[in-house]
Amino acid sequence: MGFRTISAVDHGAAKIGLHGAFNLFSGAQFLKCSEDLLTTPNIHELEIDMHGVEQIDDAALDALLILREKAASLHRHIILSGCRKPIRKFLEAANLQ
């Protein structure tokens, strides 16, 4: 299965659902989608739903760190949700909970 992002906005909160392999090839797609949402007026929170992520690599981690920096500069909050145990352990090891 290829990588997909599904986004939605509701009452100042945006949500991106990720599905597939989150890696070097999908990181740019993810950043484009998330940056577009972060710069949308009246968005104060961005939830990244990772329940559909089957695997993750260091390039995806870099994309999440870039997103965290951009969100902080815009005074927005990032929430990671739905992480499967192996994905959660990978993120915790990188100090990105």
Protein backbone atom coordinates (compact mmCIF):
# COMPACT_ATOMS: atom_id res chain seq x y z
CA MET A 1 0.00 0.00 0.00
CA GLY A 2 1.28 3.49 -0.82
CA PHE A 3 1.43 6.32 1.65
CA ARG A 4 -1.70 8.48 2.06
CA THR A 5 -2.57 11.55 4.10
CA ILE A 6 -6.13 12.46 4.93
CA SER A 7 -6.74 15.88 6.47
CA ALA A 8 -9.69 17.62 8.08
CA VAL A 9 -10.31 20.86 9.96
CA ASP A 10 -12.85 21.36 12.74
CA HIS A 11 -13.20 24.31 15.14
CA GLY A 12 -9.59 25.47 15.11
CA ALA A 13 -8.14 21.97 15.19
CA ALA A 14 -6.73 20.18 12.18
CA LYS A 15 -6.15 16.46 11.89
CA ILE A 16 -3.97 14.47 9.52
CA GLY A 17 -4.42 10.72 9.28
CA LEU A 18 -1.36 8.88 8.00
CA HIS A 19 -1.53 5.50 6.29
CA GLY A 20 1.29 3.33 4.99
CA ALA A 21 5.06 3.57 5.22
CA PHE A 22 6.20 6.90 6.69
CA ASN A 23 9.69 7.31 5.25
CA LEU A 24 11.99 9.39 3.07
CA PHE A 25 9.63 9.21 0.11
CA SER A 26 6.48 10.18 2.02
CA GLY A 27 8.06 12.78 4.30
CA ALA A 28 7.85 15.59 1.73
CA GLN A 29 4.17 14.83 1.09
CA PHE A 30 3.52 14.86 4.83
CA LEU A 31 5.35 18.17 5.33
CA LYS A 32 3.46 19.85 2.48
CA CYS A 33 0.10 18.77 3.87
CA SER A 34 0.94 19.66 7.49
CA GLU A 35 2.54 23.03 6.66
CA ASP A 36 -0.51 24.01 4.63
CA LEU A 37 -2.71 23.23 7.63
CA LEU A 38 -0.43 25.02 10.12
CA THR A 39 -0.57 28.23 8.11
CA THR A 40 -4.37 28.13 7.86
CA PRO A 41 -5.85 31.03 9.86
CA ASN A 42 -7.48 30.09 13.17
CA ILE A 43 -5.77 26.70 13.43
CA HIS A 44 -4.23 26.34 16.88
CA GLU A 45 -3.75 22.57 17.06
CA LEU A 46 -2.64 19.89 14.63
CA GLU A 47 -3.23 16.25 15.46
CA ILE A 48 -1.18 13.66 13.61
CA ASP A 49 -3.10 10.37 13.74
CA MET A 50 -0.55 7.63 13.16
CA HIS A 51 -2.73 4.56 13.66
CA GLY A 52 -2.34 3.66 9.97
CA VAL A 53 1.45 3.99 9.92
CA GLU A 54 2.95 0.58 9.21
CA GLN A 55 6.61 1.57 9.44
CA ILE A 56 8.67 4.67 10.14
CA ASP A 57 12.27 5.66 9.51
CA ASP A 58 14.74 8.42 10.40
CA ALA A 59 13.63 10.61 7.49
CA ALA A 60 10.07 10.57 8.83
CA LEU A 61 11.41 11.48 12.25
CA ASP A 62 13.20 14.45 10.67
CA ALA A 63 9.91 15.52 9.07
CA LEU A 64 8.18 15.39 12.47
CA LEU A 65 10.97 17.44 14.06
CA ILE A 66 10.76 20.06 11.27
CA LEU A 67 7.01 20.21 11.78
CA ARG A 68 7.43 20.64 15.54
CA GLU A 69 9.79 23.60 14.98
CA LYS A 70 7.44 25.26 12.49
CA ALA A 71 4.46 24.74 14.78
CA ALA A 72 6.31 26.28 17.73
CA SER A 73 7.27 29.32 15.65
CA LEU A 74 3.58 29.79 14.79
CA HIS A 75 2.44 29.13 18.40
CA ARG A 76 0.59 26.00 17.34
CA HIS A 77 0.41 22.67 19.18
CA ILE A 78 1.22 19.28 17.66
CA ILE A 79 -0.39 16.12 19.02
CA LEU A 80 0.71 12.64 17.97
CA SER A 81 -2.03 10.05 18.41
CA GLY A 82 -2.78 6.45 17.55
CA CYS A 83 0.83 5.28 17.53
CA ARG A 84 1.24 1.53 17.47
CA LYS A 85 3.64 0.17 20.08
CA PRO A 86 6.71 -0.22 17.78
CA ILE A 87 6.15 3.27 16.34
CA ARG A 88 5.68 4.74 19.82
CA LYS A 89 8.92 3.11 21.02
CA PHE A 90 10.79 4.56 18.01
CA LEU A 91 9.42 8.04 18.74
CA GLU A 92 10.18 7.75 22.46
CA ALA A 93 13.76 6.72 21.70
CA ALA A 94 14.07 9.93 19.68
CA ASN A 95 12.48 11.94 22.53
CA LEU A 96 9.48 12.80 20.38
CA GLN A 97 6.38 11.78 22.29
